[in-house]
Amino acid sequence: MILVTGGLGFIGSHTVRALLDLGQGCVLVQRRPAEVPADLAGEQVAVEQADITDLGALLRVGERHEITGIVHLAGSMPWPPSSEQPVEQARRAVGGLFNIVQAAQDWGVDRVGVASTIGVYAGIAGTGPLGAGEGPLREDMPVRMTAPHLIPTFKKIGEMLNDHLAGATGIEVVNYRISGTWGPRGHADPFFPAPAFVHAAVRGTRPDLSALVLPAHLEDSIDLCYVKDTARAIALLQLTDRLNHRTYNVASGRATTNAEVIAAIKQVVPDARIELPTGGTTEQNHLDITRLHQDTGYKPEYDTERAAADYIAWLRAGHQY
């Protein structure tokens, strides 16, 4: 069975679905008590309560299940950030990653996948503060030692630790550099407005963009990947027999502008009250997914129009987020 940390979360729950569709059972590790979600009932899924920062509790999961792989999607970072006990928060965050690799070693797991982010590319020559600029962005590009936000900071730390641990333990530790992901079970994102657009369209309100790190404009773009594609890519990276690299971009492989997202939403909700000013950057960035395609055969199945229609239908079916 594949152990998935954060398996009841946004990307995690879709990754579990993708793994199940590919014939793999899953063990979902959660800090708080939880049951198997209704949409996974009857499937080969188990939910275990364990905090990954507690090595003993994590290892006991392996006593109850035969773990053959690990997909680590829970955030190995101090989140939400707090000014109280920052050193201890950072220690626990990084310690959780160490525990995952220790468990893999103890259980004889050959491959561990770890979530990283498009944000590690921030600051590369020609790119903006959050990775927006001229693409394609390739995995072999050197990244800067600094980062503008806590998330890419700890993801960069994690990638370097993963490289060391892979070499030292012989375990195949694979980094997933995940692009901007949207879709069912998603929420407002501080880096791009697409989820807020969809929720507002379904509610019949104007989107609240106050949480965005930077103001949004029609021309602004990001490599926007629908969560079902993100999940399938992660599942393929876990199950493909042979991988040739330790780091993979998980993305759509194209830049999508806010204007394109709005147009796709209005095909389904013509009276959606979404308006943005012009004047943003016209630079286009996207993640190069050549590695991912060559090693796993992955191709995105959702273009912007199909993704928006699917997301809207899911919300209209009565789901709250």
Protein backbone atom coordinates (compact mmCIF):
# COMPACT_ATOMS: atom_id res chain seq x y z
CA MET A 1 0.00 0.00 0.00
CA ILE A 2 1.07 3.58 -0.63
CA LEU A 3 1.25 5.79 2.45
CA VAL A 4 0.01 9.30 1.66
CA THR A 5 0.59 12.10 4.14
CA GLY A 6 -1.96 14.88 3.78
CA GLY A 7 -4.16 12.32 2.04
CA LEU A 8 -7.40 14.03 3.07
CA GLY A 9 -6.21 17.43 1.87
CA PHE A 10 -6.69 19.23 -1.43
CA ILE A 11 -4.06 17.63 -3.65
CA GLY A 12 -3.75 14.60 -1.37
CA SER A 13 -7.33 13.42 -1.71
CA HIS A 14 -7.15 13.58 -5.50
CA THR A 15 -3.80 11.78 -5.46
CA VAL A 16 -5.36 8.97 -3.43
CA ARG A 17 -8.12 8.72 -6.04
CA ALA A 18 -5.51 8.57 -8.82
CA LEU A 19 -3.52 5.87 -7.02
CA LEU A 20 -6.67 3.82 -6.48
CA ASP A 21 -7.54 4.15 -10.16
CA LEU A 22 -4.10 2.73 -10.96
CA GLY A 23 -4.73 -0.28 -8.73
CA GLN A 24 -2.93 0.77 -5.53
CA GLY A 25 -4.34 0.70 -2.02
CA CYS A 26 -3.59 3.70 0.19
CA VAL A 27 -2.96 4.46 3.85
CA LEU A 28 -3.82 8.06 4.72
CA VAL A 29 -1.93 9.48 7.70
CA GLN A 30 -3.63 12.34 9.56
CA ARG A 31 -2.77 14.19 12.77
CA ARG A 32 -6.39 14.29 13.89
CA PRO A 33 -8.94 11.46 14.05
CA ALA A 34 -10.65 10.98 10.69
CA GLU A 35 -12.69 8.46 8.81
CA VAL A 36 -12.51 7.29 5.21
CA PRO A 37 -14.26 9.97 3.12
CA ALA A 38 -17.63 9.01 1.65
CA ASP A 39 -16.32 9.20 -1.92
CA LEU A 40 -13.64 6.62 -1.05
CA ALA A 41 -15.84 4.31 1.03
CA GLY A 42 -15.56 0.71 -0.06
CA GLU A 43 -12.17 1.31 -1.66
CA GLN A 44 -8.84 -0.10 -0.53
CA VAL A 45 -8.21 2.84 1.80
CA ALA A 46 -7.26 3.03 5.47
CA VAL A 47 -6.99 6.19 7.58
CA GLU A 48 -4.45 6.21 10.41
CA GLN A 49 -4.06 8.88 13.06
CA ALA A 50 -0.40 9.78 13.50
CA ASP A 51 1.65 12.97 13.65
CA ILE A 52 4.62 12.62 11.30
CA THR A 53 6.72 14.60 13.77
CA ASP A 54 6.25 11.67 16.19
CA LEU A 55 8.56 8.99 14.79
CA GLY A 56 7.24 6.24 17.06
CA ALA A 57 3.62 6.85 16.04
CA LEU A 58 4.59 6.95 12.38
CA LEU A 59 6.55 3.70 12.56
CA ARG A 60 3.63 1.94 14.24
CA VAL A 61 1.56 2.59 11.10
CA GLY A 62 4.00 0.33 9.29
CA GLU A 63 3.30 -2.43 11.81
CA ARG A 64 -0.36 -2.46 10.79
CA HIS A 65 0.08 -2.10 7.02
CA GLU A 66 2.57 -3.27 4.43
CA ILE A 67 3.84 0.04 3.08
CA THR A 68 5.44 -0.20 -0.36
CA GLY A 69 5.76 3.52 -1.19
CA ILE A 70 5.34 6.95 0.36
CA VAL A 71 3.85 10.14 -1.12
CA HIS A 72 4.62 12.97 1.30
CA LEU A 73 2.23 15.85 0.60
CA ALA A 74 1.83 17.20 4.14
CA GLY A 75 3.71 20.46 4.48
CA SER A 76 7.19 20.07 5.96
CA MET A 77 7.25 23.72 6.95
CA PRO A 78 6.08 25.83 9.91
CA TRP A 79 2.54 26.51 8.74
CA PRO A 80 0.60 28.57 9.57
CA PRO A 81 3.54 30.84 10.42
CA SER A 82 3.75 32.12 13.97
CA SER A 83 6.05 34.47 15.82
CA GLU A 84 5.92 32.16 18.86
CA GLN A 85 8.63 29.50 19.17
CA PRO A 86 9.93 29.89 15.59
CA VAL A 87 12.96 27.67 16.25
CA GLU A 88 10.83 24.83 17.58
CA GLN A 89 8.36 25.20 14.71
CA ALA A 90 11.18 24.95 12.17
CA ARG A 91 12.67 21.97 13.99
CA ARG A 92 9.37 20.11 13.92
CA ALA A 93 8.80 20.93 10.26
CA VAL A 94 12.14 19.61 9.08
CA GLY A 95 11.97 16.77 11.60
CA GLY A 96 8.80 15.51 9.96
CA LEU A 97 10.66 15.11 6.67
CA PHE A 98 13.47 13.24 8.42
CA ASN A 99 10.91 10.92 10.00
CA ILE A 100 9.32 10.12 6.65
CA VAL A 101 12.68 9.06 5.21
CA GLN A 102 13.53 7.15 8.41
CA ALA A 103 10.24 5.27 8.14
CA ALA A 104 10.95 4.48 4.50
CA GLN A 105 14.34 3.08 5.47
CA ASP A 106 12.89 0.99 8.32
CA TRP A 107 10.08 -0.36 6.14
CA GLY A 108 12.27 -1.11 3.13
CA VAL A 109 10.45 1.39 0.90
CA ASP A 110 12.30 2.08 -2.35
CA ARG A 111 10.68 5.38 -3.40
CA VAL A 112 9.48 8.44 -1.50
CA GLY A 113 7.84 11.37 -3.29
CA VAL A 114 7.93 14.79 -1.63
CA ALA A 115 5.88 17.85 -2.57
CA SER A 116 7.84 20.93 -3.60
CA THR A 117 6.61 24.02 -5.43
CA ILE A 118 6.90 26.20 -8.53
CA GLY A 119 8.02 28.88 -6.07
CA VAL A 120 11.55 27.46 -5.95
CA TYR A 121 12.12 29.13 -9.34
CA ALA A 122 11.46 32.59 -7.89
CA GLY A 123 14.17 35.08 -8.67
CA ILE A 124 15.74 33.23 -11.60
CA ALA A 125 16.97 35.75 -14.17
CA GLY A 126 13.98 37.09 -16.08
CA THR A 127 11.41 35.95 -13.54
CA GLY A 128 9.35 37.87 -11.05
CA PRO A 129 9.25 37.52 -7.26
CA LEU A 130 6.94 34.51 -7.29
CA GLY A 131 8.32 32.69 -10.30
CA ALA A 132 6.40 34.60 -12.97
CA GLY A 133 8.41 35.46 -16.05
CA GLU A 134 9.49 33.95 -19.33
CA GLY A 135 9.27 30.15 -19.51
CA PRO A 136 9.93 27.39 -19.86
CA LEU A 137 11.35 26.74 -16.41
CA ARG A 138 13.37 23.52 -16.36
CA GLU A 139 14.40 21.33 -13.46
CA ASP A 140 18.10 21.70 -14.33
CA MET A 141 18.04 25.48 -13.88
CA PRO A 142 20.05 26.65 -10.84
CA VAL A 143 17.74 28.13 -8.21
CA ARG A 144 18.60 30.98 -5.87
CA MET A 145 19.52 30.38 -2.25
CA THR A 146 16.94 32.94 -1.11
CA ALA A 147 13.15 32.93 -1.40
CA PRO A 148 10.47 35.62 -1.01
CA HIS A 149 8.08 33.48 1.06
CA LEU A 150 8.16 30.85 3.79
CA ILE A 151 6.77 28.10 1.53
CA PRO A 152 9.48 28.12 -1.17
CA THR A 153 12.10 28.69 1.54
CA PHE A 154 11.33 25.38 3.23
CA LYS A 155 10.72 23.58 -0.06
CA LYS A 156 14.24 24.52 -1.19
CA ILE A 157 15.62 23.30 2.14
CA GLY A 158 13.64 20.09 1.68
CA GLU A 159 14.94 19.51 -1.84
CA MET A 160 18.55 19.82 -0.70
CA LEU A 161 17.95 17.51 2.26
CA ASN A 162 16.20 15.02 -0.01
CA ASP A 163 19.17 14.95 -2.35
CA HIS A 164 21.52 14.26 0.54
CA LEU A 165 19.27 11.63 2.11
CA ALA A 166 18.73 9.86 -1.21
CA GLY A 167 22.46 9.52 -1.69
CA ALA A 168 23.10 8.49 1.91
CA THR A 169 20.28 5.95 2.27
CA GLY A 170 19.91 4.59 -1.26
CA ILE A 171 16.20 5.43 -1.18
CA GLU A 172 14.83 7.08 -4.32
CA VAL A 173 13.57 10.44 -3.03
CA VAL A 174 11.68 12.33 -5.73
CA ASN A 175 10.82 16.05 -5.57
CA TYR A 176 7.51 17.21 -7.11
CA ARG A 177 7.74 20.87 -8.16
CA ILE A 178 4.01 21.48 -8.26
CA SER A 179 2.64 24.43 -10.23
CA GLY A 180 -0.42 26.52 -9.38
CA THR A 181 -3.15 23.94 -8.80
CA TRP A 182 -6.90 24.56 -8.76
CA GLY A 183 -10.04 22.46 -8.59
CA PRO A 184 -12.44 20.65 -6.23
CA ARG A 185 -11.56 20.85 -2.52
CA GLY A 186 -9.32 23.80 -3.30
CA HIS A 187 -9.39 27.13 -1.55
CA ALA A 188 -8.31 30.72 -2.03
CA ASP A 189 -4.65 30.82 -3.00
CA PRO A 190 -2.37 33.76 -2.13
CA PHE A 191 -0.46 33.51 -5.41
CA PHE A 192 -3.14 33.28 -8.13
CA PRO A 193 -6.86 34.18 -8.26
CA ALA A 194 -8.43 31.35 -10.31
CA PRO A 195 -10.07 29.52 -7.36
CA ALA A 196 -11.58 32.76 -6.08
CA PHE A 197 -12.98 33.46 -9.57
CA VAL A 198 -14.78 30.10 -9.70
CA HIS A 199 -16.26 30.30 -6.21
CA ALA A 200 -17.51 33.84 -6.79
CA ALA A 201 -19.07 32.87 -10.12
CA VAL A 202 -21.01 30.03 -8.51
CA ARG A 203 -22.14 32.26 -5.62
CA GLY A 204 -23.05 35.13 -7.92
CA THR A 205 -20.71 37.54 -6.14
CA ARG A 206 -17.59 39.44 -6.99
CA PRO A 207 -14.38 37.60 -6.09
CA ASP A 208 -12.55 38.61 -2.92
CA LEU A 209 -8.92 39.02 -3.96
CA SER A 210 -7.71 40.71 -0.79
CA ALA A 211 -5.54 37.74 0.23
CA LEU A 212 -3.43 37.82 -2.94
CA VAL A 213 0.25 38.57 -2.41
CA LEU A 214 0.25 40.79 -5.53
CA PRO A 215 -2.64 42.61 -7.29
CA ALA A 216 -4.19 40.61 -10.16
CA HIS A 217 -4.41 41.81 -13.76
CA LEU A 218 -5.90 40.31 -16.90
CA GLU A 219 -2.49 39.68 -18.50
CA ASP A 220 -0.92 37.95 -15.49
CA SER A 221 -0.25 34.27 -16.02
CA ILE A 222 0.95 31.16 -14.24
CA ASP A 223 1.30 27.51 -15.13
CA LEU A 224 -2.18 26.60 -13.94
CA CYS A 225 -2.78 22.86 -13.54
CA TYR A 226 -6.12 21.25 -12.74
CA VAL A 227 -5.90 19.20 -9.57
CA LYS A 228 -6.94 15.95 -11.26
CA ASP A 229 -3.99 16.30 -13.63
CA THR A 230 -1.66 17.19 -10.75
CA ALA A 231 -2.80 14.11 -8.85
CA ARG A 232 -2.43 11.77 -11.80
CA ALA A 233 1.10 13.05 -12.44
CA ILE A 234 2.04 12.40 -8.80
CA ALA A 235 0.54 8.90 -8.92
CA LEU A 236 2.49 8.11 -12.09
CA LEU A 237 5.72 9.36 -10.52
CA GLN A 238 5.13 7.02 -7.60
CA LEU A 239 4.24 3.94 -9.64
CA THR A 240 6.35 4.17 -12.80
CA ASP A 241 8.97 1.41 -12.70
CA ARG A 242 11.97 3.55 -13.59
CA LEU A 243 12.59 7.26 -13.11
CA ASN A 244 15.68 8.94 -14.53
CA HIS A 245 15.69 12.03 -12.30
CA ARG A 246 15.18 13.11 -8.69
CA THR A 247 13.19 16.25 -9.48
CA TYR A 248 10.15 16.69 -11.73
CA ASN A 249 7.94 19.62 -12.65
CA VAL A 250 4.29 18.68 -12.05
CA ALA A 251 2.31 21.09 -14.17
CA SER A 252 0.26 21.71 -17.30
CA GLY A 253 3.30 22.77 -19.30
CA ARG A 254 1.71 26.02 -20.51
CA ALA A 255 1.03 29.52 -19.19
CA THR A 256 -2.60 30.46 -18.54
CA THR A 257 -3.61 34.10 -18.15
CA ASN A 258 -6.30 35.40 -15.84
CA ALA A 259 -8.16 36.55 -18.96
CA GLU A 260 -8.29 32.95 -20.22
CA VAL A 261 -9.62 31.70 -16.88
CA ILE A 262 -12.33 34.36 -16.82
CA ALA A 263 -13.36 33.56 -20.39
CA ALA A 264 -13.60 29.85 -19.56
CA ILE A 265 -15.74 30.54 -16.51
CA LYS A 266 -18.07 32.81 -18.49
CA GLN A 267 -18.69 30.03 -20.98
CA VAL A 268 -20.49 28.24 -18.13
CA VAL A 269 -21.62 31.25 -16.06
CA PRO A 270 -22.15 34.06 -18.60
CA ASP A 271 -23.15 36.62 -15.97
CA ALA A 272 -20.16 35.94 -13.69
CA ARG A 273 -19.14 39.20 -12.03
CA ILE A 274 -15.40 38.95 -12.57
CA GLU A 275 -13.51 42.01 -13.68
CA LEU A 276 -9.78 42.76 -13.58
CA PRO A 277 -7.78 45.75 -14.75
CA THR A 278 -5.18 45.60 -17.49
CA GLY A 279 -1.62 46.68 -16.88
CA GLY A 280 -0.10 43.49 -15.54
CA THR A 281 2.97 41.70 -16.79
CA THR A 282 2.79 40.21 -20.26
CA GLU A 283 5.68 37.84 -19.54
CA GLN A 284 4.69 34.20 -19.87
CA ASN A 285 6.15 31.48 -17.74
CA HIS A 286 5.43 27.80 -17.52
CA LEU A 287 7.11 24.69 -16.24
CA ASP A 288 8.77 22.40 -18.75
CA ILE A 289 7.22 18.93 -18.31
CA THR A 290 9.45 17.08 -20.76
CA ARG A 291 10.99 14.94 -18.00
CA LEU A 292 7.59 14.03 -16.62
CA HIS A 293 6.21 13.10 -20.03
CA GLN A 294 9.25 11.10 -21.12
CA ASP A 295 9.52 9.07 -17.91
CA THR A 296 5.83 8.48 -17.12
CA GLY A 297 3.87 9.21 -20.32
CA TYR A 298 1.91 11.94 -18.52
CA LYS A 299 -0.08 14.42 -20.59
CA PRO A 300 -2.58 16.92 -19.12
CA GLU A 301 -6.20 15.94 -19.76
CA TYR A 302 -7.83 19.21 -18.66
CA ASP A 303 -7.50 22.42 -20.63
CA THR A 304 -8.76 25.64 -19.07
CA GLU A 305 -12.31 25.29 -20.42
CA ARG A 306 -12.75 21.69 -19.31
CA ALA A 307 -11.22 22.43 -15.91
CA ALA A 308 -13.50 25.42 -15.25
CA ALA A 309 -16.61 23.50 -16.29
CA ASP A 310 -15.71 20.54 -14.07
CA TYR A 311 -14.91 22.73 -11.07
CA ILE A 312 -18.16 24.70 -11.42
CA ALA A 313 -20.21 21.51 -11.76
CA TRP A 314 -18.61 20.15 -8.59
CA LEU A 315 -19.50 23.27 -6.59
CA ARG A 316 -23.00 23.38 -8.00
CA ALA A 317 -23.50 19.79 -6.84
CA GLY A 318 -23.55 21.15 -3.30
CA HIS A 319 -19.94 20.86 -2.18
CA GLN A 320 -18.86 23.70 0.06
CA TYR A 321 -15.30 24.21 -1.15
